[in-house]
């Protein structure tokens, strides 16, 4: 397989049994700040946590895990590939290698490809956009479209949702909400 563009481990998500208890634990014990919360497309609640004003989330908790021994709690392992161009390159390389089990999603604040590793663990490859919109947000993404079209679709998606702003405006608000020295 061809090597993908450089990436960094960005955030981790787990499926939980008791979302409220897990949120309290990670906020009260580790000092995370809730940056967003909502309901996923399947009806399960989701909470986004961060210690960095420039990262929408570093840790994601989503309900839906049954209290069953041996169940995989991993919701996703996420890698930031740095740019929309790199994400398109990942899409092209994965497609060329025969990966056809992935989804493309426009989250407004990021563009994502979701796939699985060889043992079935969920993997997200993503790039941040210049906009912010409350999460969860699940818009259409087609990485075969020209970049300018994807940018316009993303701006239109964010503009249509209450609470949206530029990424820089959102970062400024988060800098006020996160205690000094909280960057993880």
Protein backbone atom coordinates (compact mmCIF):
# COMPACT_ATOMS: atom_id res chain seq x y z
CA UNK A 1 0.00 0.00 0.00
CA UNK A 2 1.20 3.51 -0.77
CA UNK A 3 2.06 5.58 2.28
CA UNK A 4 -0.55 8.22 3.14
CA UNK A 5 0.42 11.90 3.60
CA UNK A 6 1.84 12.86 7.03
CA UNK A 7 -0.70 12.88 9.84
CA UNK A 8 -0.83 13.28 13.59
CA UNK A 9 -2.97 11.44 16.10
CA UNK A 10 -5.59 14.07 16.86
CA UNK A 11 -8.39 12.67 18.96
CA UNK A 12 -9.87 9.50 20.27
CA UNK A 13 -13.49 8.50 20.75
CA UNK A 14 -15.04 5.80 22.89
CA UNK A 15 -18.49 4.31 23.21
CA UNK A 16 -19.69 4.52 26.82
CA UNK A 17 -22.39 2.97 28.97
CA UNK A 18 -23.04 5.98 31.27
CA UNK A 19 -22.35 9.19 29.33
CA UNK A 20 -23.11 11.55 32.24
CA UNK A 21 -20.75 9.75 34.65
CA UNK A 22 -17.98 9.58 32.05
CA UNK A 23 -18.36 13.29 31.21
CA UNK A 24 -18.16 14.27 34.90
CA UNK A 25 -15.10 12.06 35.39
CA UNK A 26 -13.09 13.49 32.49
CA UNK A 27 -14.13 17.09 33.23
CA UNK A 28 -13.65 16.92 37.00
CA UNK A 29 -10.59 14.64 37.08
CA UNK A 30 -8.61 15.57 33.97
CA UNK A 31 -9.80 19.16 33.47
CA UNK A 32 -11.38 18.75 30.04
CA UNK A 33 -13.89 21.40 28.90
CA UNK A 34 -17.07 20.46 27.07
CA UNK A 35 -16.75 22.11 23.66
CA UNK A 36 -19.95 20.73 22.14
CA UNK A 37 -22.69 18.18 22.66
CA UNK A 38 -25.60 16.87 20.67
CA UNK A 39 -27.43 13.85 19.35
CA UNK A 40 -25.97 11.59 16.69
CA UNK A 41 -27.89 10.42 13.63
CA UNK A 42 -28.68 7.15 15.48
CA UNK A 43 -30.23 8.99 18.46
CA UNK A 44 -27.31 8.48 20.86
CA UNK A 45 -25.99 11.49 22.75
CA UNK A 46 -22.41 12.63 22.10
CA UNK A 47 -20.09 14.93 24.07
CA UNK A 48 -16.95 16.60 22.66
CA UNK A 49 -14.16 17.43 25.15
CA UNK A 50 -11.00 19.51 24.75
CA UNK A 51 -8.19 21.15 26.67
CA UNK A 52 -7.05 23.19 23.67
CA UNK A 53 -8.79 26.32 22.43
CA UNK A 54 -7.70 25.53 18.87
CA UNK A 55 -8.96 21.93 18.83
CA UNK A 56 -12.73 21.47 18.70
CA UNK A 57 -12.27 18.14 20.43
CA UNK A 58 -9.48 15.92 21.63
CA UNK A 59 -11.69 13.28 23.21
CA UNK A 60 -15.20 12.14 22.26
CA UNK A 61 -17.70 10.24 24.40
CA UNK A 62 -20.74 8.71 22.76
CA UNK A 63 -23.42 6.60 24.37
CA UNK A 64 -24.41 3.29 22.91
CA UNK A 65 -22.00 0.81 24.42
CA UNK A 66 -23.78 -2.08 26.00
CA UNK A 67 -22.47 -3.19 29.36
CA UNK A 68 -21.05 -6.35 27.81
CA UNK A 69 -17.69 -7.97 28.44
CA UNK A 70 -15.51 -8.11 25.36
CA UNK A 71 -17.34 -5.38 23.45
CA UNK A 72 -15.00 -3.00 21.63
CA UNK A 73 -15.36 0.44 23.25
CA UNK A 74 -13.45 2.25 20.48
CA UNK A 75 -15.66 4.74 18.67
CA UNK A 76 -12.84 6.02 16.44
CA UNK A 77 -9.12 6.73 16.24
CA UNK A 78 -8.67 10.03 14.41
CA UNK A 79 -5.74 11.42 12.44
CA UNK A 80 -5.45 15.00 11.18
CA UNK A 81 -3.90 14.97 7.71
CA UNK A 82 -3.43 18.75 7.65
CA UNK A 83 -5.30 19.89 4.56
CA UNK A 84 -8.18 19.19 2.21
CA UNK A 85 -5.63 18.39 -0.52
CA UNK A 86 -4.03 15.73 1.71
CA UNK A 87 -7.44 14.31 2.56
CA UNK A 88 -8.21 14.00 -1.15
CA UNK A 89 -4.87 12.24 -1.60
CA UNK A 90 -5.78 9.80 1.21
CA UNK A 91 -9.12 9.16 -0.48
CA UNK A 92 -7.41 8.49 -3.82
CA UNK A 93 -4.78 6.18 -2.32
CA UNK A 94 -7.28 4.23 -0.22
CA UNK A 95 -9.56 3.86 -3.24
CA UNK A 96 -6.65 2.66 -5.38
CA UNK A 97 -5.84 0.05 -2.72
CA UNK A 98 -9.39 -1.31 -2.89
CA UNK A 99 -10.83 0.29 0.25
CA UNK A 100 -14.52 0.67 -0.37
CA UNK A 101 -15.79 0.54 3.21
CA UNK A 102 -15.37 4.24 3.92
CA UNK A 103 -17.74 7.16 4.34
CA UNK A 104 -17.06 10.78 3.41
CA UNK A 105 -18.67 13.34 5.73
CA UNK A 106 -18.64 17.13 5.79
CA UNK A 107 -18.82 18.10 9.48
CA UNK A 108 -18.66 21.83 8.65
CA UNK A 109 -15.66 22.34 10.91
CA UNK A 110 -13.82 19.44 9.24
CA UNK A 111 -13.95 17.07 6.28
CA UNK A 112 -13.63 13.38 7.15
CA UNK A 113 -13.10 9.95 5.70
CA UNK A 114 -14.10 7.04 7.95
CA UNK A 115 -12.75 3.54 7.36
CA UNK A 116 -11.50 0.57 9.42
CA UNK A 117 -8.14 -0.95 10.20
CA UNK A 118 -7.52 -4.65 9.44
CA UNK A 119 -9.11 -5.70 12.76
CA UNK A 120 -12.20 -3.56 12.25
CA UNK A 121 -11.32 -0.63 14.52
CA UNK A 122 -12.86 2.61 13.21
CA UNK A 123 -10.36 5.10 11.75
CA UNK A 124 -11.03 8.74 10.83
CA UNK A 125 -8.77 10.77 8.53
CA UNK A 126 -9.70 14.45 8.54
CA UNK A 127 -8.72 18.03 7.80
CA UNK A 128 -10.02 21.12 9.59
CA UNK A 129 -11.99 23.73 7.67
CA UNK A 130 -12.01 27.52 8.19
CA UNK A 131 -15.50 27.37 9.73
CA UNK A 132 -17.14 26.19 12.92
CA UNK A 133 -20.63 24.87 13.36
CA UNK A 134 -22.17 23.12 16.38
CA UNK A 135 -21.63 19.39 16.35
CA UNK A 136 -22.67 16.84 15.45
CA UNK A 137 -23.09 17.93 11.85
CA UNK A 138 -23.33 15.43 9.02
CA UNK A 139 -23.27 17.02 5.58
CA UNK A 140 -22.53 15.49 2.21
CA UNK A 141 -18.93 15.31 1.03
CA UNK A 142 -17.67 14.17 -2.36
CA UNK A 143 -13.88 14.37 -2.55
CA UNK A 144 -14.01 13.91 -6.32
CA UNK A 145 -15.45 17.43 -6.64
CA UNK A 146 -13.16 20.42 -7.20
CA UNK A 147 -11.76 21.98 -4.02
CA UNK A 148 -13.57 25.30 -4.64
CA UNK A 149 -16.91 23.46 -4.83
CA UNK A 150 -16.21 21.64 -1.54
CA UNK A 151 -15.22 24.93 0.12
CA UNK A 152 -18.42 26.63 -1.07
CA UNK A 153 -20.59 23.69 0.02
CA UNK A 154 -18.96 23.81 3.45
CA UNK A 155 -19.48 27.54 3.83
CA UNK A 156 -23.13 27.13 2.74
CA UNK A 157 -23.63 24.26 5.19
CA UNK A 158 -22.22 26.27 8.09
CA UNK A 159 -24.09 29.46 7.12
CA UNK A 160 -27.37 27.54 7.24
CA UNK A 161 -26.88 26.41 10.86
CA UNK A 162 -27.48 28.46 14.00
CA UNK A 163 -24.36 29.05 16.09
CA UNK A 164 -21.91 28.85 13.20
CA UNK A 165 -18.89 31.15 12.92
CA UNK A 166 -15.42 31.26 11.51
CA UNK A 167 -12.89 28.91 13.06
CA UNK A 168 -10.91 31.89 14.40
CA UNK A 169 -14.00 33.32 16.14
CA UNK A 170 -14.67 29.93 17.71
CA UNK A 171 -11.04 29.65 18.89
CA UNK A 172 -11.29 33.08 20.53
CA UNK A 173 -14.44 31.98 22.43
CA UNK A 174 -12.76 28.75 23.54
CA UNK A 175 -9.68 30.63 24.77
CA UNK A 176 -12.01 32.37 27.21
CA UNK A 177 -13.72 29.12 28.26
CA UNK A 178 -10.63 26.96 28.87
CA UNK A 179 -8.54 27.64 31.98
CA UNK A 180 -5.01 28.93 31.35
CA UNK A 181 -2.50 26.14 30.98
CA UNK A 182 -5.15 23.62 29.99
CA UNK A 183 -3.71 22.83 26.57
CA UNK A 184 -3.07 19.09 26.35
